[in-house]
Amino acid sequence: MIEVMIADDFDLLREDLKDLINTQPDMRVVGEAASGAGIVELARSVKSDIILLDIEMENVSAGITAAETIHDADPQRVILYLTAHDTEKMILTAMGTGALDYIVKGCPEEEVLAHIRAAAAGAPMLDAKVQNTVMQEYNRLRRSERSLLFFINNVSQLTATERELVRLLLQGKKVKEIAAIRCVEVVTVKTQIKGLLHKFGCSRTKEIVEMIQQLGITHLF
């Protein structure tokens, strides 16, 4: 028997879900709440196999906060979001709490039941959009990690002059200004910049500046 708890501030929807689940031969509802705070309190005293959790309840991110609190107390707790929100940002934020699955409201009842059974079996059936969103973010983070390692490796090989050059570029200084500040010829600065671009594999100084800012390593200069 799969024991389910439901959290949703829409009373009618919560009752419909409760009735649907309780009519299944392999499921039963063991608790319900109308708020994020309510499901957190319930989860402390009632055990369940699945928590079916809405995101927007007493506030727009009540479910997110509730999931984080519940998982802090019990990392093994299985949470499935059932929400009307399907933006990439919300999906990533929600799945980042350690939830096992993400269901968008409006899908057929049979699909909701299938998600619950799959999650209880330890094999969540994330739909295509959720899978793609999560994988895209995973790939983006891997690319960022590689870029960060590449940059830090190159930063460690910069000369004192090159570090100063990068620091001035980060301040928005132009070639002539840099030459004046460093009391050298413009052609000297251009030669140094050429060497800097080669080290970082960039074609413009703007690319170096943007990458350093995006990776959050300006403090290294």
C-alpha atoms as a PDB file:
ATOM      1  CA  MET A   1       0.000   0.000   0.000  1.00  0.00           C
ATOM      2  CA  ILE A   2       1.454   3.354  -1.093  1.00  0.00           C
ATOM      3  CA  GLU A   3       0.805   5.921   1.629  1.00  0.00           C
ATOM      4  CA  VAL A   4       0.390   9.454   0.284  1.00  0.00           C
ATOM      5  CA  MET A   5       0.165  12.900   1.858  1.00  0.00           C
ATOM      6  CA  ILE A   6      -1.271  15.839  -0.097  1.00  0.00           C
ATOM      7  CA  ALA A   7      -0.567  19.554   0.254  1.00  0.00           C
ATOM      8  CA  ASP A   8      -2.673  21.974  -1.807  1.00  0.00           C
ATOM      9  CA  ASP A   9      -4.495  25.154  -0.815  1.00  0.00           C
ATOM     10  CA  PHE A  10      -7.281  24.558  -3.352  1.00  0.00           C
ATOM     11  CA  ASP A  11      -9.780  22.591  -1.247  1.00  0.00           C
ATOM     12  CA  LEU A  12     -11.752  21.140  -4.160  1.00  0.00           C
ATOM     13  CA  LEU A  13      -8.645  19.914  -5.961  1.00  0.00           C
ATOM     14  CA  ARG A  14      -7.258  18.447  -2.749  1.00  0.00           C
ATOM     15  CA  GLU A  15     -10.502  16.576  -2.104  1.00  0.00           C
ATOM     16  CA  ASP A  16     -10.596  15.291  -5.698  1.00  0.00           C
ATOM     17  CA  LEU A  17      -7.031  14.019  -5.382  1.00  0.00           C
ATOM     18  CA  LYS A  18      -7.841  12.407  -2.062  1.00  0.00           C
ATOM     19  CA  ASP A  19     -10.881  10.633  -3.514  1.00  0.00           C
ATOM     20  CA  LEU A  20      -8.910   9.524  -6.591  1.00  0.00           C
ATOM     21  CA  ILE A  21      -6.064   8.065  -4.548  1.00  0.00           C
ATOM     22  CA  ASN A  22      -8.308   6.391  -1.983  1.00  0.00           C
ATOM     23  CA  THR A  23     -10.195   4.553  -4.717  1.00  0.00           C
ATOM     24  CA  GLN A  24      -6.993   2.834  -5.836  1.00  0.00           C
ATOM     25  CA  PRO A  25      -6.410  -0.668  -4.470  1.00  0.00           C
ATOM     26  CA  ASP A  26      -2.717   0.038  -3.846  1.00  0.00           C
ATOM     27  CA  MET A  27      -2.864   3.580  -2.403  1.00  0.00           C
ATOM     28  CA  ARG A  28      -4.305   5.546   0.484  1.00  0.00           C
ATOM     29  CA  VAL A  29      -4.106   9.127   1.741  1.00  0.00           C
ATOM     30  CA  VAL A  30      -2.653   9.330   5.247  1.00  0.00           C
ATOM     31  CA  GLY A  31      -2.689  13.101   5.652  1.00  0.00           C
ATOM     32  CA  GLU A  32      -3.484  16.401   3.969  1.00  0.00           C
ATOM     33  CA  ALA A  33      -2.629  20.066   4.409  1.00  0.00           C
ATOM     34  CA  ALA A  34      -3.675  23.362   2.855  1.00  0.00           C
ATOM     35  CA  SER A  35      -0.340  25.139   3.252  1.00  0.00           C
ATOM     36  CA  GLY A  36       3.396  24.660   3.155  1.00  0.00           C
ATOM     37  CA  ALA A  37       3.638  25.207   6.891  1.00  0.00           C
ATOM     38  CA  GLY A  38       0.866  22.660   7.394  1.00  0.00           C
ATOM     39  CA  ILE A  39       2.570  19.898   5.421  1.00  0.00           C
ATOM     40  CA  VAL A  40       5.864  20.530   7.219  1.00  0.00           C
ATOM     41  CA  GLU A  41       4.124  20.069  10.568  1.00  0.00           C
ATOM     42  CA  LEU A  42       2.276  16.986   9.313  1.00  0.00           C
ATOM     43  CA  ALA A  43       5.443  15.417   7.931  1.00  0.00           C
ATOM     44  CA  ARG A  44       7.033  15.620  11.389  1.00  0.00           C
ATOM     45  CA  SER A  45       4.442  13.312  12.904  1.00  0.00           C
ATOM     46  CA  VAL A  46       3.064  11.229  10.045  1.00  0.00           C
ATOM     47  CA  LYS A  47       5.058   8.827   7.907  1.00  0.00           C
ATOM     48  CA  SER A  48       4.277   8.409   4.224  1.00  0.00           C
ATOM     49  CA  ASP A  49       5.759   6.946   1.070  1.00  0.00           C
ATOM     50  CA  ILE A  50       4.955   9.980  -1.071  1.00  0.00           C
ATOM     51  CA  ILE A  51       4.249  13.662  -0.449  1.00  0.00           C
ATOM     52  CA  LEU A  52       2.265  15.220  -3.277  1.00  0.00           C
ATOM     53  CA  LEU A  53       3.116  18.899  -2.994  1.00  0.00           C
ATOM     54  CA  ASP A  54       1.772  22.056  -4.630  1.00  0.00           C
ATOM     55  CA  ILE A  55       4.201  24.970  -5.003  1.00  0.00           C
ATOM     56  CA  GLU A  56       2.046  28.088  -4.677  1.00  0.00           C
ATOM     57  CA  MET A  57      -0.007  27.991  -1.493  1.00  0.00           C
ATOM     58  CA  GLU A  58       0.170  30.634   1.262  1.00  0.00           C
ATOM     59  CA  ASN A  59       2.780  32.314  -0.949  1.00  0.00           C
ATOM     60  CA  VAL A  60       4.243  31.728  -4.402  1.00  0.00           C
ATOM     61  CA  SER A  61       7.049  29.478  -3.166  1.00  0.00           C
ATOM     62  CA  ALA A  62       5.486  27.840  -0.106  1.00  0.00           C
ATOM     63  CA  GLY A  63       5.946  24.354  -1.557  1.00  0.00           C
ATOM     64  CA  ILE A  64       9.604  24.990  -2.327  1.00  0.00           C
ATOM     65  CA  THR A  65      10.265  26.133   1.238  1.00  0.00           C
ATOM     66  CA  ALA A  66       8.296  23.193   2.624  1.00  0.00           C
ATOM     67  CA  ALA A  67      10.238  20.679   0.532  1.00  0.00           C
ATOM     68  CA  GLU A  68      13.559  22.105   1.695  1.00  0.00           C
ATOM     69  CA  THR A  69      12.488  21.937   5.344  1.00  0.00           C
ATOM     70  CA  ILE A  70      11.134  18.400   5.006  1.00  0.00           C
ATOM     71  CA  HIS A  71      14.274  17.163   3.257  1.00  0.00           C
ATOM     72  CA  ASP A  72      16.529  18.820   5.827  1.00  0.00           C
ATOM     73  CA  ALA A  73      14.785  16.773   8.489  1.00  0.00           C
ATOM     74  CA  ASP A  74      14.495  13.592   6.411  1.00  0.00           C
ATOM     75  CA  PRO A  75      16.548  13.432   3.180  1.00  0.00           C
ATOM     76  CA  GLN A  76      14.908  10.103   2.251  1.00  0.00           C
ATOM     77  CA  ARG A  77      11.410  11.599   2.084  1.00  0.00           C
ATOM     78  CA  VAL A  78       9.951  11.242  -1.422  1.00  0.00           C
ATOM     79  CA  ILE A  79       8.388  14.437  -2.745  1.00  0.00           C
ATOM     80  CA  LEU A  80       6.448  14.885  -5.973  1.00  0.00           C
ATOM     81  CA  TYR A  81       5.448  18.365  -7.046  1.00  0.00           C
ATOM     82  CA  LEU A  82       1.973  18.737  -8.512  1.00  0.00           C
ATOM     83  CA  THR A  83       1.754  22.335  -9.675  1.00  0.00           C
ATOM     84  CA  ALA A  84       0.383  24.684 -12.298  1.00  0.00           C
ATOM     85  CA  HIS A  85       3.822  26.241 -12.830  1.00  0.00           C
ATOM     86  CA  ASP A  86       5.830  24.845 -15.734  1.00  0.00           C
ATOM     87  CA  THR A  87       8.482  27.493 -16.431  1.00  0.00           C
ATOM     88  CA  GLU A  88      12.088  26.326 -16.713  1.00  0.00           C
ATOM     89  CA  LYS A  89      13.105  28.502 -13.765  1.00  0.00           C
ATOM     90  CA  MET A  90      10.440  26.999 -11.500  1.00  0.00           C
ATOM     91  CA  ILE A  91      11.229  23.441 -12.607  1.00  0.00           C
ATOM     92  CA  LEU A  92      14.928  23.899 -11.830  1.00  0.00           C
ATOM     93  CA  THR A  93      14.221  25.587  -8.500  1.00  0.00           C
ATOM     94  CA  ALA A  94      11.811  22.841  -7.493  1.00  0.00           C
ATOM     95  CA  MET A  95      13.959  19.909  -8.582  1.00  0.00           C
ATOM     96  CA  GLY A  96      16.883  21.527  -6.794  1.00  0.00           C
ATOM     97  CA  THR A  97      15.141  20.806  -3.480  1.00  0.00           C
ATOM     98  CA  GLY A  98      15.687  17.086  -3.978  1.00  0.00           C
ATOM     99  CA  ALA A  99      12.195  16.258  -5.230  1.00  0.00           C
ATOM    100  CA  LEU A 100      11.856  13.031  -7.205  1.00  0.00           C
ATOM    101  CA  ASP A 101       9.310  14.142  -9.793  1.00  0.00           C
ATOM    102  CA  TYR A 102       7.429  17.156 -11.146  1.00  0.00           C
ATOM    103  CA  ILE A 103       3.869  16.900 -12.437  1.00  0.00           C
ATOM    104  CA  VAL A 104       2.025  19.761 -14.114  1.00  0.00           C
ATOM    105  CA  LYS A 105      -1.620  20.139 -13.124  1.00  0.00           C
ATOM    106  CA  GLY A 106      -4.129  19.423 -15.850  1.00  0.00           C
ATOM    107  CA  CYS A 107      -2.667  16.115 -16.946  1.00  0.00           C
ATOM    108  CA  PRO A 108      -4.968  13.028 -16.950  1.00  0.00           C
ATOM    109  CA  GLU A 109      -5.710  11.395 -13.585  1.00  0.00           C
ATOM    110  CA  GLU A 110      -4.174   8.142 -14.815  1.00  0.00           C
ATOM    111  CA  GLU A 111      -0.921   9.994 -15.424  1.00  0.00           C
ATOM    112  CA  VAL A 112      -0.840  11.373 -11.869  1.00  0.00           C
ATOM    113  CA  LEU A 113      -1.385   7.860 -10.514  1.00  0.00           C
ATOM    114  CA  ALA A 114       1.346   6.479 -12.778  1.00  0.00           C
ATOM    115  CA  HIS A 115       3.787   9.115 -11.488  1.00  0.00           C
ATOM    116  CA  ILE A 116       2.966   8.182  -7.886  1.00  0.00           C
ATOM    117  CA  ARG A 117       3.451   4.460  -8.518  1.00  0.00           C
ATOM    118  CA  ALA A 118       6.691   5.018 -10.414  1.00  0.00           C
ATOM    119  CA  ALA A 119       8.102   7.254  -7.671  1.00  0.00           C
ATOM    120  CA  ALA A 120       7.126   4.755  -4.980  1.00  0.00           C
ATOM    121  CA  ALA A 121       9.005   2.102  -6.967  1.00  0.00           C
ATOM    122  CA  GLY A 122      12.073   4.336  -7.127  1.00  0.00           C
ATOM    123  CA  ALA A 123      11.807   4.939 -10.874  1.00  0.00           C
ATOM    124  CA  PRO A 124      10.350   8.430 -11.385  1.00  0.00           C
ATOM    125  CA  MET A 125       8.777   9.053 -14.791  1.00  0.00           C
ATOM    126  CA  LEU A 126       9.806  12.671 -15.422  1.00  0.00           C
ATOM    127  CA  ASP A 127       8.050  14.011 -18.486  1.00  0.00           C
ATOM    128  CA  ALA A 128      10.050  15.164 -21.506  1.00  0.00           C
ATOM    129  CA  LYS A 129      10.007  18.884 -20.695  1.00  0.00           C
ATOM    130  CA  VAL A 130      11.232  18.354 -17.134  1.00  0.00           C
ATOM    131  CA  GLN A 131      13.939  15.943 -18.284  1.00  0.00           C
ATOM    132  CA  ASN A 132      15.145  18.320 -20.992  1.00  0.00           C
ATOM    133  CA  THR A 133      15.174  21.297 -18.625  1.00  0.00           C
ATOM    134  CA  VAL A 134      17.178  19.427 -15.993  1.00  0.00           C
ATOM    135  CA  MET A 135      19.648  18.010 -18.542  1.00  0.00           C
ATOM    136  CA  GLN A 136      20.199  21.405 -20.168  1.00  0.00           C
ATOM    137  CA  GLU A 137      21.007  22.899 -16.778  1.00  0.00           C
ATOM    138  CA  TYR A 138      23.320  19.985 -15.975  1.00  0.00           C
ATOM    139  CA  ASN A 139      25.194  20.478 -19.257  1.00  0.00           C
ATOM    140  CA  ARG A 140      25.380  24.249 -18.676  1.00  0.00           C
ATOM    141  CA  LEU A 141      26.903  23.708 -15.247  1.00  0.00           C
ATOM    142  CA  ARG A 142      29.426  21.253 -16.649  1.00  0.00           C
ATOM    143  CA  ARG A 143      30.445  23.765 -19.310  1.00  0.00           C
ATOM    144  CA  SER A 144      30.747  26.478 -16.661  1.00  0.00           C
ATOM    145  CA  GLU A 145      32.866  24.195 -14.494  1.00  0.00           C
ATOM    146  CA  ARG A 146      35.206  23.455 -17.391  1.00  0.00           C
ATOM    147  CA  SER A 147      35.416  27.166 -18.220  1.00  0.00           C
ATOM    148  CA  LEU A 148      36.170  28.012 -14.595  1.00  0.00           C
ATOM    149  CA  LEU A 149      38.929  25.410 -14.387  1.00  0.00           C
ATOM    150  CA  PHE A 150      40.366  26.605 -17.692  1.00  0.00           C
ATOM    151  CA  PHE A 151      40.403  30.227 -16.567  1.00  0.00           C
ATOM    152  CA  ILE A 152      41.815  29.536 -13.110  1.00  0.00           C
ATOM    153  CA  ASN A 153      44.535  27.410 -14.677  1.00  0.00           C
ATOM    154  CA  ASN A 154      45.430  30.249 -17.045  1.00  0.00           C
ATOM    155  CA  VAL A 155      45.205  32.902 -14.336  1.00  0.00           C
ATOM    156  CA  SER A 156      47.822  31.011 -12.347  1.00  0.00           C
ATOM    157  CA  GLN A 157      50.188  31.336 -15.307  1.00  0.00           C
ATOM    158  CA  LEU A 158      49.772  35.088 -15.796  1.00  0.00           C
ATOM    159  CA  THR A 159      52.710  37.368 -15.187  1.00  0.00           C
ATOM    160  CA  ALA A 160      52.416  40.336 -12.805  1.00  0.00           C
ATOM    161  CA  THR A 161      52.153  42.638 -15.823  1.00  0.00           C
ATOM    162  CA  GLU A 162      49.361  40.544 -17.359  1.00  0.00           C
ATOM    163  CA  ARG A 163      47.439  40.488 -14.072  1.00  0.00           C
ATOM    164  CA  GLU A 164      47.631  44.268 -13.898  1.00  0.00           C
ATOM    165  CA  LEU A 165      46.483  44.453 -17.494  1.00  0.00           C
ATOM    166  CA  VAL A 166      43.434  42.290 -16.741  1.00  0.00           C
ATOM    167  CA  ARG A 167      42.659  44.380 -13.640  1.00  0.00           C
ATOM    168  CA  LEU A 168      42.643  47.559 -15.730  1.00  0.00           C
ATOM    169  CA  LEU A 169      40.512  45.927 -18.417  1.00  0.00           C
ATOM    170  CA  LEU A 170      38.006  44.921 -15.726  1.00  0.00           C
ATOM    171  CA  GLN A 171      37.863  48.593 -14.731  1.00  0.00           C
ATOM    172  CA  GLY A 172      36.847  49.430 -18.291  1.00  0.00           C
ATOM    173  CA  LYS A 173      40.117  51.108 -19.252  1.00  0.00           C
ATOM    174  CA  LYS A 174      40.976  51.526 -22.946  1.00  0.00           C
ATOM    175  CA  VAL A 175      44.355  50.812 -24.535  1.00  0.00           C
ATOM    176  CA  LYS A 176      45.472  54.461 -24.483  1.00  0.00           C
ATOM    177  CA  GLU A 177      44.410  54.845 -20.848  1.00  0.00           C
ATOM    178  CA  ILE A 178      46.259  51.683 -19.868  1.00  0.00           C
ATOM    179  CA  ALA A 179      49.379  52.897 -21.639  1.00  0.00           C
ATOM    180  CA  ALA A 180      49.189  56.215 -19.794  1.00  0.00           C
ATOM    181  CA  ILE A 181      48.605  54.560 -16.421  1.00  0.00           C
ATOM    182  CA  ARG A 182      51.498  52.165 -16.929  1.00  0.00           C
ATOM    183  CA  CYS A 183      53.755  54.788 -18.559  1.00  0.00           C
ATOM    184  CA  VAL A 184      54.433  52.652 -21.632  1.00  0.00           C
ATOM    185  CA  GLU A 185      53.835  53.001 -25.357  1.00  0.00           C
ATOM    186  CA  VAL A 186      50.449  52.081 -26.831  1.00  0.00           C
ATOM    187  CA  VAL A 187      52.142  49.538 -29.076  1.00  0.00           C
ATOM    188  CA  THR A 188      53.557  47.823 -25.969  1.00  0.00           C
ATOM    189  CA  VAL A 189      50.090  47.485 -24.457  1.00  0.00           C
ATOM    190  CA  LYS A 190      48.732  46.114 -27.735  1.00  0.00           C
ATOM    191  CA  THR A 191      51.498  43.496 -27.817  1.00  0.00           C
ATOM    192  CA  GLN A 192      50.756  42.502 -24.211  1.00  0.00           C
ATOM    193  CA  ILE A 193      47.033  42.258 -24.963  1.00  0.00           C
ATOM    194  CA  LYS A 194      47.775  40.036 -27.943  1.00  0.00           C
ATOM    195  CA  GLY A 195      49.677  37.658 -25.643  1.00  0.00           C
ATOM    196  CA  LEU A 196      46.813  37.774 -23.112  1.00  0.00           C
ATOM    197  CA  LEU A 197      44.229  36.889 -25.757  1.00  0.00           C
ATOM    198  CA  HIS A 198      46.352  33.949 -26.852  1.00  0.00           C
ATOM    199  CA  LYS A 199      46.592  32.600 -23.297  1.00  0.00           C
ATOM    200  CA  PHE A 200      42.835  32.800 -22.780  1.00  0.00           C
ATOM    201  CA  GLY A 201      41.924  31.588 -26.261  1.00  0.00           C
ATOM    202  CA  CYS A 202      39.890  34.748 -26.944  1.00  0.00           C
ATOM    203  CA  SER A 203      39.752  37.112 -29.898  1.00  0.00           C
ATOM    204  CA  ARG A 204      38.741  40.274 -27.985  1.00  0.00           C
ATOM    205  CA  THR A 205      39.478  41.663 -24.553  1.00  0.00           C
ATOM    206  CA  LYS A 206      35.728  42.033 -24.028  1.00  0.00           C
ATOM    207  CA  GLU A 207      35.429  38.231 -24.037  1.00  0.00           C
ATOM    208  CA  ILE A 208      38.005  37.934 -21.245  1.00  0.00           C
ATOM    209  CA  VAL A 209      36.238  40.576 -19.151  1.00  0.00           C
ATOM    210  CA  GLU A 210      32.776  39.032 -19.642  1.00  0.00           C
ATOM    211  CA  MET A 211      33.974  35.519 -18.822  1.00  0.00           C
ATOM    212  CA  ILE A 212      35.760  36.620 -15.657  1.00  0.00           C
ATOM    213  CA  GLN A 213      32.624  38.493 -14.528  1.00  0.00           C
ATOM    214  CA  GLN A 214      30.312  35.601 -15.359  1.00  0.00           C
ATOM    215  CA  LEU A 215      32.493  33.128 -13.471  1.00  0.00           C
ATOM    216  CA  GLY A 216      32.641  35.458 -10.474  1.00  0.00           C
ATOM    217  CA  ILE A 217      36.434  35.520 -10.201  1.00  0.00           C
ATOM    218  CA  THR A 218      37.095  39.269 -10.425  1.00  0.00           C
ATOM    219  CA  HIS A 219      38.478  39.078  -6.883  1.00  0.00           C
ATOM    220  CA  LEU A 220      41.478  37.200  -8.266  1.00  0.00           C
ATOM    221  CA  PHE A 221      42.674  40.459  -9.814  1.00  0.00           C
END
